[in-house]
Amino acid sequence: MAAMQQETAYYLNTTLPRLALIAKGLRFPVGQWIRIAGGTIRPWHVEELVSDLFPALRGRPIPFRLLLTDFDVTEYEREIRTSWEPL
């Protein structure tokens, strides 16, 4: 069973990289996610925090998604599968 989100917070998928605000009670999307900040922080502050914590990501665009429903998580996973499949 997938891990469930205990609070609304920002998470970074360090493999892709992708940043997401994941709502409380949702399952985590596939991948390795680390908590970056609580859900009350402004998105632009979180982006700054990510670049401070991960210097290798500085100057790189990091896609950001709001995952507020189970449907959002499913669509996000579909999007990731499609973008990572070999052409």
PDB file of N, CA and C in Angstrom:
ATOM      1  N   MET A   1       0.843  -1.186   0.000  1.00  0.00           N
ATOM      2  CA  MET A   1       0.000   0.000   0.000  1.00  0.00           C
ATOM      3  C   MET A   1       0.886   1.247   0.000  1.00  0.00           C
ATOM      4  N   ALA A   2       0.530   2.243  -0.781  1.00  0.00           N
ATOM      5  CA  ALA A   2       1.296   3.478  -0.886  1.00  0.00           C
ATOM      6  C   ALA A   2       1.179   4.289   0.407  1.00  0.00           C
ATOM      7  N   ALA A   3       2.246   5.024   0.702  1.00  0.00           N
ATOM      8  CA  ALA A   3       2.245   5.891   1.883  1.00  0.00           C
ATOM      9  C   ALA A   3       1.241   7.019   1.678  1.00  0.00           C
ATOM     10  N   MET A   4       0.591   7.397   2.772  1.00  0.00           N
ATOM     11  CA  MET A   4      -0.395   8.480   2.723  1.00  0.00           C
ATOM     12  C   MET A   4       0.210   9.747   3.320  1.00  0.00           C
ATOM     13  N   GLN A   5      -0.183  10.846   2.771  1.00  0.00           N
ATOM     14  CA  GLN A   5       0.283  12.144   3.214  1.00  0.00           C
ATOM     15  C   GLN A   5      -0.385  12.494   4.549  1.00  0.00           C
ATOM     16  N   GLN A   6       0.416  12.856   5.562  1.00  0.00           N
ATOM     17  CA  GLN A   6      -0.098  13.182   6.891  1.00  0.00           C
ATOM     18  C   GLN A   6      -0.483  14.651   7.045  1.00  0.00           C
ATOM     19  N   GLU A   7       0.078  15.504   6.187  1.00  0.00           N
ATOM     20  CA  GLU A   7      -0.242  16.931   6.209  1.00  0.00           C
ATOM     21  C   GLU A   7      -0.010  17.499   4.816  1.00  0.00           C
ATOM     22  N   THR A   8      -0.659  18.584   4.506  1.00  0.00           N
ATOM     23  CA  THR A   8      -0.411  19.246   3.239  1.00  0.00           C
ATOM     24  C   THR A   8       0.972  19.874   3.309  1.00  0.00           C
ATOM     25  N   ALA A   9       1.824  19.525   2.340  1.00  0.00           N
ATOM     26  CA  ALA A   9       3.203  20.012   2.354  1.00  0.00           C
ATOM     27  C   ALA A   9       3.794  19.955   0.952  1.00  0.00           C
ATOM     28  N   TYR A  10       4.917  20.650   0.795  1.00  0.00           N
ATOM     29  CA  TYR A  10       5.666  20.627  -0.455  1.00  0.00           C
ATOM     30  C   TYR A  10       6.681  19.491  -0.395  1.00  0.00           C
ATOM     31  N   TYR A  11       6.750  18.752  -1.490  1.00  0.00           N
ATOM     32  CA  TYR A  11       7.687  17.635  -1.597  1.00  0.00           C
ATOM     33  C   TYR A  11       8.451  17.745  -2.898  1.00  0.00           C
ATOM     34  N   LEU A  12       9.688  17.264  -2.872  1.00  0.00           N
ATOM     35  CA  LEU A  12      10.534  17.242  -4.058  1.00  0.00           C
ATOM     36  C   LEU A  12      10.833  15.803  -4.425  1.00  0.00           C
ATOM     37  N   ASN A  13      10.592  15.476  -5.680  1.00  0.00           N
ATOM     38  CA  ASN A  13      11.020  14.187  -6.210  1.00  0.00           C
ATOM     39  C   ASN A  13      12.441  14.418  -6.692  1.00  0.00           C
ATOM     40  N   THR A  14      13.411  13.853  -5.991  1.00  0.00           N
ATOM     41  CA  THR A  14      14.812  14.141  -6.267  1.00  0.00           C
ATOM     42  C   THR A  14      15.326  13.445  -7.511  1.00  0.00           C
ATOM     43  N   THR A  15      14.634  12.443  -7.995  1.00  0.00           N
ATOM     44  CA  THR A  15      15.079  11.715  -9.173  1.00  0.00           C
ATOM     45  C   THR A  15      14.779  12.481 -10.446  1.00  0.00           C
ATOM     46  N   LEU A  16      13.597  13.107 -10.540  1.00  0.00           N
ATOM     47  CA  LEU A  16      13.169  13.671 -11.822  1.00  0.00           C
ATOM     48  C   LEU A  16      13.771  15.028 -12.176  1.00  0.00           C
ATOM     49  N   PRO A  17      13.964  16.037 -11.471  1.00  0.00           N
ATOM     50  CA  PRO A  17      13.305  16.500 -10.248  1.00  0.00           C
ATOM     51  C   PRO A  17      11.971  17.183 -10.560  1.00  0.00           C
ATOM     52  N   ARG A  18      11.066  17.067  -9.606  1.00  0.00           N
ATOM     53  CA  ARG A  18       9.735  17.675  -9.682  1.00  0.00           C
ATOM     54  C   ARG A  18       9.351  18.145  -8.284  1.00  0.00           C
ATOM     55  N   LEU A  19       8.667  19.256  -8.208  1.00  0.00           N
ATOM     56  CA  LEU A  19       8.190  19.807  -6.943  1.00  0.00           C
ATOM     57  C   LEU A  19       6.671  19.741  -6.944  1.00  0.00           C
ATOM     58  N   ALA A  20       6.096  19.329  -5.812  1.00  0.00           N
ATOM     59  CA  ALA A  20       4.639  19.218  -5.741  1.00  0.00           C
ATOM     60  C   ALA A  20       4.136  19.622  -4.363  1.00  0.00           C
ATOM     61  N   LEU A  21       2.988  20.265  -4.357  1.00  0.00           N
ATOM     62  CA  LEU A  21       2.245  20.489  -3.120  1.00  0.00           C
ATOM     63  C   LEU A  21       1.246  19.347  -3.049  1.00  0.00           C
ATOM     64  N   ILE A  22       1.407  18.478  -2.069  1.00  0.00           N
ATOM     65  CA  ILE A  22       0.574  17.285  -1.943  1.00  0.00           C
ATOM     66  C   ILE A  22      -0.360  17.462  -0.750  1.00  0.00           C
ATOM     67  N   ALA A  23      -1.650  17.309  -0.998  1.00  0.00           N
ATOM     68  CA  ALA A  23      -2.664  17.526   0.035  1.00  0.00           C
ATOM     69  C   ALA A  23      -2.684  16.383   1.050  1.00  0.00           C
ATOM     70  N   LYS A  24      -3.084  16.727   2.253  1.00  0.00           N
ATOM     71  CA  LYS A  24      -3.240  15.760   3.336  1.00  0.00           C
ATOM     72  C   LYS A  24      -4.200  14.641   2.920  1.00  0.00           C
ATOM     73  N   GLY A  25      -3.822  13.410   3.257  1.00  0.00           N
ATOM     74  CA  GLY A  25      -4.676  12.260   3.008  1.00  0.00           C
ATOM     75  C   GLY A  25      -4.474  11.593   1.657  1.00  0.00           C
ATOM     76  N   LEU A  26      -3.685  12.199   0.776  1.00  0.00           N
ATOM     77  CA  LEU A  26      -3.432  11.588  -0.529  1.00  0.00           C
ATOM     78  C   LEU A  26      -2.267  10.611  -0.432  1.00  0.00           C
ATOM     79  N   ARG A  27      -2.260   9.651  -1.360  1.00  0.00           N
ATOM     80  CA  ARG A  27      -1.105   8.768  -1.456  1.00  0.00           C
ATOM     81  C   ARG A  27      -0.013   9.518  -2.199  1.00  0.00           C
ATOM     82  N   PHE A  28       1.235   9.164  -1.895  1.00  0.00           N
ATOM     83  CA  PHE A  28       2.335   9.766  -2.623  1.00  0.00           C
ATOM     84  C   PHE A  28       2.392   9.203  -4.033  1.00  0.00           C
ATOM     85  N   PRO A  29       2.707  10.033  -5.017  1.00  0.00           N
ATOM     86  CA  PRO A  29       2.916   9.507  -6.365  1.00  0.00           C
ATOM     87  C   PRO A  29       4.142   8.588  -6.368  1.00  0.00           C
ATOM     88  N   VAL A  30       4.254   7.800  -7.414  1.00  0.00           N
ATOM     89  CA  VAL A  30       5.405   6.913  -7.564  1.00  0.00           C
ATOM     90  C   VAL A  30       6.679   7.748  -7.549  1.00  0.00           C
ATOM     91  N   GLY A  31       7.702   7.254  -6.897  1.00  0.00           N
ATOM     92  CA  GLY A  31       8.986   7.944  -6.851  1.00  0.00           C
ATOM     93  C   GLY A  31       9.429   8.191  -5.429  1.00  0.00           C
ATOM     94  N   GLN A  32      10.607   8.753  -5.310  1.00  0.00           N
ATOM     95  CA  GLN A  32      11.171   9.080  -3.999  1.00  0.00           C
ATOM     96  C   GLN A  32      10.933  10.562  -3.720  1.00  0.00           C
ATOM     97  N   TRP A  33      10.131  10.844  -2.710  1.00  0.00           N
ATOM     98  CA  TRP A  33       9.754  12.205  -2.367  1.00  0.00           C
ATOM     99  C   TRP A  33      10.319  12.581  -1.011  1.00  0.00           C
ATOM    100  N   ILE A  34      10.857  13.801  -0.916  1.00  0.00           N
ATOM    101  CA  ILE A  34      11.326  14.304   0.375  1.00  0.00           C
ATOM    102  C   ILE A  34      10.577  15.594   0.693  1.00  0.00           C
ATOM    103  N   ARG A  35      10.253  15.752   1.970  1.00  0.00           N
ATOM    104  CA  ARG A  35       9.510  16.939   2.408  1.00  0.00           C
ATOM    105  C   ARG A  35      10.436  18.146   2.388  1.00  0.00           C
ATOM    106  N   ILE A  36       9.953  19.229   1.797  1.00  0.00           N
ATOM    107  CA  ILE A  36      10.723  20.464   1.710  1.00  0.00           C
ATOM    108  C   ILE A  36      10.182  21.514   2.674  1.00  0.00           C
ATOM    109  N   ALA A  37       8.873  21.692   2.721  1.00  0.00           N
ATOM    110  CA  ALA A  37       8.279  22.737   3.567  1.00  0.00           C
ATOM    111  C   ALA A  37       6.798  22.450   3.785  1.00  0.00           C
ATOM    112  N   GLY A  38       6.248  23.056   4.818  1.00  0.00           N
ATOM    113  CA  GLY A  38       4.821  22.939   5.098  1.00  0.00           C
ATOM    114  C   GLY A  38       3.989  23.627   4.030  1.00  0.00           C
ATOM    115  N   GLY A  39       2.740  23.270   3.970  1.00  0.00           N
ATOM    116  CA  GLY A  39       1.843  23.758   2.935  1.00  0.00           C
ATOM    117  C   GLY A  39       1.441  25.218   3.035  1.00  0.00           C
ATOM    118  N   THR A  40       1.811  25.903   4.107  1.00  0.00           N
ATOM    119  CA  THR A  40       1.434  27.312   4.253  1.00  0.00           C
ATOM    120  C   THR A  40       2.467  28.272   3.667  1.00  0.00           C
ATOM    121  N   ILE A  41       3.587  27.751   3.223  1.00  0.00           N
ATOM    122  CA  ILE A  41       4.649  28.582   2.641  1.00  0.00           C
ATOM    123  C   ILE A  41       4.255  28.966   1.209  1.00  0.00           C
ATOM    124  N   ARG A  42       4.638  30.135   0.775  1.00  0.00           N
ATOM    125  CA  ARG A  42       4.371  30.579  -0.599  1.00  0.00           C
ATOM    126  C   ARG A  42       5.216  29.761  -1.578  1.00  0.00           C
ATOM    127  N   PRO A  43       4.658  29.416  -2.748  1.00  0.00           N
ATOM    128  CA  PRO A  43       5.391  28.581  -3.713  1.00  0.00           C
ATOM    129  C   PRO A  43       6.746  29.151  -4.126  1.00  0.00           C
ATOM    130  N   TRP A  44       6.855  30.456  -4.318  1.00  0.00           N
ATOM    131  CA  TRP A  44       8.126  31.034  -4.744  1.00  0.00           C
ATOM    132  C   TRP A  44       9.182  30.939  -3.644  1.00  0.00           C
ATOM    133  N   HIS A  45       8.762  30.930  -2.398  1.00  0.00           N
ATOM    134  CA  HIS A  45       9.723  30.730  -1.311  1.00  0.00           C
ATOM    135  C   HIS A  45      10.230  29.297  -1.306  1.00  0.00           C
ATOM    136  N   VAL A  46       9.351  28.365  -1.620  1.00  0.00           N
ATOM    137  CA  VAL A  46       9.751  26.954  -1.683  1.00  0.00           C
ATOM    138  C   VAL A  46      10.748  26.747  -2.820  1.00  0.00           C
ATOM    139  N   GLU A  47      10.506  27.375  -3.961  1.00  0.00           N
ATOM    140  CA  GLU A  47      11.445  27.266  -5.079  1.00  0.00           C
ATOM    141  C   GLU A  47      12.823  27.806  -4.688  1.00  0.00           C
ATOM    142  N   GLU A  48      12.863  28.916  -3.967  1.00  0.00           N
ATOM    143  CA  GLU A  48      14.133  29.464  -3.484  1.00  0.00           C
ATOM    144  C   GLU A  48      14.802  28.490  -2.516  1.00  0.00           C
ATOM    145  N   LEU A  49      14.010  27.913  -1.639  1.00  0.00           N
ATOM    146  CA  LEU A  49      14.527  26.960  -0.661  1.00  0.00           C
ATOM    147  C   LEU A  49      15.142  25.744  -1.356  1.00  0.00           C
ATOM    148  N   VAL A  50      14.476  25.247  -2.379  1.00  0.00           N
ATOM    149  CA  VAL A  50      14.998  24.089  -3.121  1.00  0.00           C
ATOM    150  C   VAL A  50      16.360  24.420  -3.726  1.00  0.00           C
ATOM    151  N   SER A  51      16.489  25.597  -4.328  1.00  0.00           N
ATOM    152  CA  SER A  51      17.777  25.952  -4.934  1.00  0.00           C
ATOM    153  C   SER A  51      18.862  26.157  -3.873  1.00  0.00           C
ATOM    154  N   ASP A  52      18.479  26.590  -2.679  1.00  0.00           N
ATOM    155  CA  ASP A  52      19.453  26.725  -1.590  1.00  0.00           C
ATOM    156  C   ASP A  52      19.875  25.358  -1.050  1.00  0.00           C
ATOM    157  N   LEU A  53      18.916  24.440  -0.936  1.00  0.00           N
ATOM    158  CA  LEU A  53      19.219  23.112  -0.394  1.00  0.00           C
ATOM    159  C   LEU A  53      19.921  22.201  -1.395  1.00  0.00           C
ATOM    160  N   PHE A  54      19.636  22.408  -2.678  1.00  0.00           N
ATOM    161  CA  PHE A  54      20.179  21.544  -3.734  1.00  0.00           C
ATOM    162  C   PHE A  54      20.877  22.416  -4.781  1.00  0.00           C
ATOM    163  N   PRO A  55      22.141  22.785  -4.548  1.00  0.00           N
ATOM    164  CA  PRO A  55      22.853  23.674  -5.467  1.00  0.00           C
ATOM    165  C   PRO A  55      22.880  23.164  -6.913  1.00  0.00           C
ATOM    166  N   ALA A  56      22.833  21.865  -7.121  1.00  0.00           N
ATOM    167  CA  ALA A  56      22.841  21.318  -8.484  1.00  0.00           C
ATOM    168  C   ALA A  56      21.580  21.698  -9.256  1.00  0.00           C
ATOM    169  N   LEU A  57      20.525  22.096  -8.560  1.00  0.00           N
ATOM    170  CA  LEU A  57      19.269  22.468  -9.212  1.00  0.00           C
ATOM    171  C   LEU A  57      19.165  23.973  -9.484  1.00  0.00           C
ATOM    172  N   ARG A  58      20.135  24.744  -9.016  1.00  0.00           N
ATOM    173  CA  ARG A  58      20.096  26.199  -9.222  1.00  0.00           C
ATOM    174  C   ARG A  58      20.089  26.524 -10.708  1.00  0.00           C
ATOM    175  N   GLY A  59      19.226  27.436 -11.076  1.00  0.00           N
ATOM    176  CA  GLY A  59      19.157  27.876 -12.458  1.00  0.00           C
ATOM    177  C   GLY A  59      18.431  26.919 -13.386  1.00  0.00           C
ATOM    178  N   ARG A  60      17.988  25.792 -12.869  1.00  0.00           N
ATOM    179  CA  ARG A  60      17.231  24.826 -13.668  1.00  0.00           C
ATOM    180  C   ARG A  60      15.746  24.990 -13.379  1.00  0.00           C
ATOM    181  N   PRO A  61      14.930  24.969 -14.411  1.00  0.00           N
ATOM    182  CA  PRO A  61      13.486  25.017 -14.150  1.00  0.00           C
ATOM    183  C   PRO A  61      13.035  23.702 -13.516  1.00  0.00           C
ATOM    184  N   ILE A  62      12.289  23.801 -12.442  1.00  0.00           N
ATOM    185  CA  ILE A  62      11.769  22.615 -11.758  1.00  0.00           C
ATOM    186  C   ILE A  62      10.253  22.647 -11.901  1.00  0.00           C
ATOM    187  N   PRO A  63       9.690  21.699 -12.644  1.00  0.00           N
ATOM    188  CA  PRO A  63       8.237  21.676 -12.796  1.00  0.00           C
ATOM    189  C   PRO A  63       7.541  21.574 -11.436  1.00  0.00           C
ATOM    190  N   PHE A  64       6.444  22.290 -11.310  1.00  0.00           N
ATOM    191  CA  PHE A  64       5.682  22.333 -10.062  1.00  0.00           C
ATOM    192  C   PHE A  64       4.252  21.890 -10.337  1.00  0.00           C
ATOM    193  N   ARG A  65       3.716  21.043  -9.453  1.00  0.00           N
ATOM    194  CA  ARG A  65       2.334  20.572  -9.594  1.00  0.00           C
ATOM    195  C   ARG A  65       1.602  20.671  -8.266  1.00  0.00           C
ATOM    196  N   LEU A  66       0.316  20.958  -8.354  1.00  0.00           N
ATOM    197  CA  LEU A  66      -0.576  20.871  -7.203  1.00  0.00           C
ATOM    198  C   LEU A  66      -1.257  19.517  -7.268  1.00  0.00           C
ATOM    199  N   LEU A  67      -1.101  18.708  -6.243  1.00  0.00           N
ATOM    200  CA  LEU A  67      -1.747  17.401  -6.180  1.00  0.00           C
ATOM    201  C   LEU A  67      -2.730  17.444  -5.007  1.00  0.00           C
ATOM    202  N   LEU A  68      -3.976  17.782  -5.322  1.00  0.00           N
ATOM    203  CA  LEU A  68      -4.983  18.010  -4.292  1.00  0.00           C
ATOM    204  C   LEU A  68      -6.035  16.911  -4.205  1.00  0.00           C
ATOM    205  N   THR A  69      -6.097  16.052  -5.247  1.00  0.00           N
ATOM    206  CA  THR A  69      -7.082  14.967  -5.277  1.00  0.00           C
ATOM    207  C   THR A  69      -6.415  13.691  -5.788  1.00  0.00           C
ATOM    208  N   ASP A  70      -7.096  12.557  -5.594  1.00  0.00           N
ATOM    209  CA  ASP A  70      -6.588  11.294  -6.137  1.00  0.00           C
ATOM    210  C   ASP A  70      -6.461  11.377  -7.657  1.00  0.00           C
ATOM    211  N   PHE A  71      -7.399  12.048  -8.291  1.00  0.00           N
ATOM    212  CA  PHE A  71      -7.347  12.222  -9.743  1.00  0.00           C
ATOM    213  C   PHE A  71      -6.073  12.959 -10.151  1.00  0.00           C
ATOM    214  N   ASP A  72      -5.703  14.011  -9.415  1.00  0.00           N
ATOM    215  CA  ASP A  72      -4.473  14.761  -9.707  1.00  0.00           C
ATOM    216  C   ASP A  72      -3.256  13.841  -9.655  1.00  0.00           C
ATOM    217  N   VAL A  73      -3.200  12.976  -8.650  1.00  0.00           N
ATOM    218  CA  VAL A  73      -2.065  12.060  -8.501  1.00  0.00           C
ATOM    219  C   VAL A  73      -2.027  11.087  -9.683  1.00  0.00           C
ATOM    220  N   THR A  74      -3.163  10.530 -10.044  1.00  0.00           N
ATOM    221  CA  THR A  74      -3.226   9.592 -11.167  1.00  0.00           C
ATOM    222  C   THR A  74      -2.792  10.260 -12.466  1.00  0.00           C
ATOM    223  N   GLU A  75      -3.290  11.463 -12.717  1.00  0.00           N
ATOM    224  CA  GLU A  75      -2.913  12.188 -13.935  1.00  0.00           C
ATOM    225  C   GLU A  75      -1.431  12.545 -13.935  1.00  0.00           C
ATOM    226  N   TYR A  76      -0.903  12.921 -12.791  1.00  0.00           N
ATOM    227  CA  TYR A  76       0.528  13.235 -12.668  1.00  0.00           C
ATOM    228  C   TYR A  76       1.369  12.005 -13.013  1.00  0.00           C
ATOM    229  N   GLU A  77       1.003  10.855 -12.468  1.00  0.00           N
ATOM    230  CA  GLU A  77       1.748   9.623 -12.745  1.00  0.00           C
ATOM    231  C   GLU A  77       1.664   9.259 -14.233  1.00  0.00           C
ATOM    232  N   ARG A  78       0.510   9.459 -14.843  1.00  0.00           N
ATOM    233  CA  ARG A  78       0.348   9.200 -16.279  1.00  0.00           C
ATOM    234  C   ARG A  78       1.264  10.133 -17.082  1.00  0.00           C
ATOM    235  N   GLU A  79       1.300  11.377 -16.697  1.00  0.00           N
ATOM    236  CA  GLU A  79       2.152  12.366 -17.373  1.00  0.00           C
ATOM    237  C   GLU A  79       3.628  11.971 -17.273  1.00  0.00           C
ATOM    238  N   ILE A  80       4.049  11.563 -16.092  1.00  0.00           N
ATOM    239  CA  ILE A  80       5.447  11.177 -15.883  1.00  0.00           C
ATOM    240  C   ILE A  80       5.794   9.935 -16.707  1.00  0.00           C
ATOM    241  N   ARG A  81       4.922   8.937 -16.704  1.00  0.00           N
ATOM    242  CA  ARG A  81       5.166   7.722 -17.497  1.00  0.00           C
ATOM    243  C   ARG A  81       5.328   8.060 -18.972  1.00  0.00           C
ATOM    244  N   THR A  82       4.466   8.922 -19.456  1.00  0.00           N
ATOM    245  CA  THR A  82       4.501   9.295 -20.870  1.00  0.00           C
ATOM    246  C   THR A  82       5.781  10.051 -21.209  1.00  0.00           C
ATOM    247  N   SER A  83       6.186  10.965 -20.348  1.00  0.00           N
ATOM    248  CA  SER A  83       7.376  11.771 -20.633  1.00  0.00           C
ATOM    249  C   SER A  83       8.678  10.997 -20.490  1.00  0.00           C
ATOM    250  N   TRP A  84       8.672   9.881 -19.764  1.00  0.00           N
ATOM    251  CA  TRP A  84       9.895   9.111 -19.547  1.00  0.00           C
ATOM    252  C   TRP A  84       9.976   7.857 -20.414  1.00  0.00           C
ATOM    253  N   GLU A  85       8.956   7.581 -21.195  1.00  0.00           N
ATOM    254  CA  GLU A  85       9.016   6.420 -22.079  1.00  0.00           C
ATOM    255  C   GLU A  85       9.939   6.721 -23.259  1.00  0.00           C
ATOM    256  N   PRO A  86      10.746   5.722 -23.673  1.00  0.00           N
ATOM    257  CA  PRO A  86      11.622   5.940 -24.832  1.00  0.00           C
ATOM    258  C   PRO A  86      10.792   6.204 -26.089  1.00  0.00           C
ATOM    259  N   LEU A  87      11.308   7.062 -26.939  1.00  0.00           N
ATOM    260  CA  LEU A  87      10.607   7.396 -28.178  1.00  0.00           C
ATOM    261  C   LEU A  87      10.791   6.322 -29.223  1.00  0.00           C
TER     262      LEU A  87
END
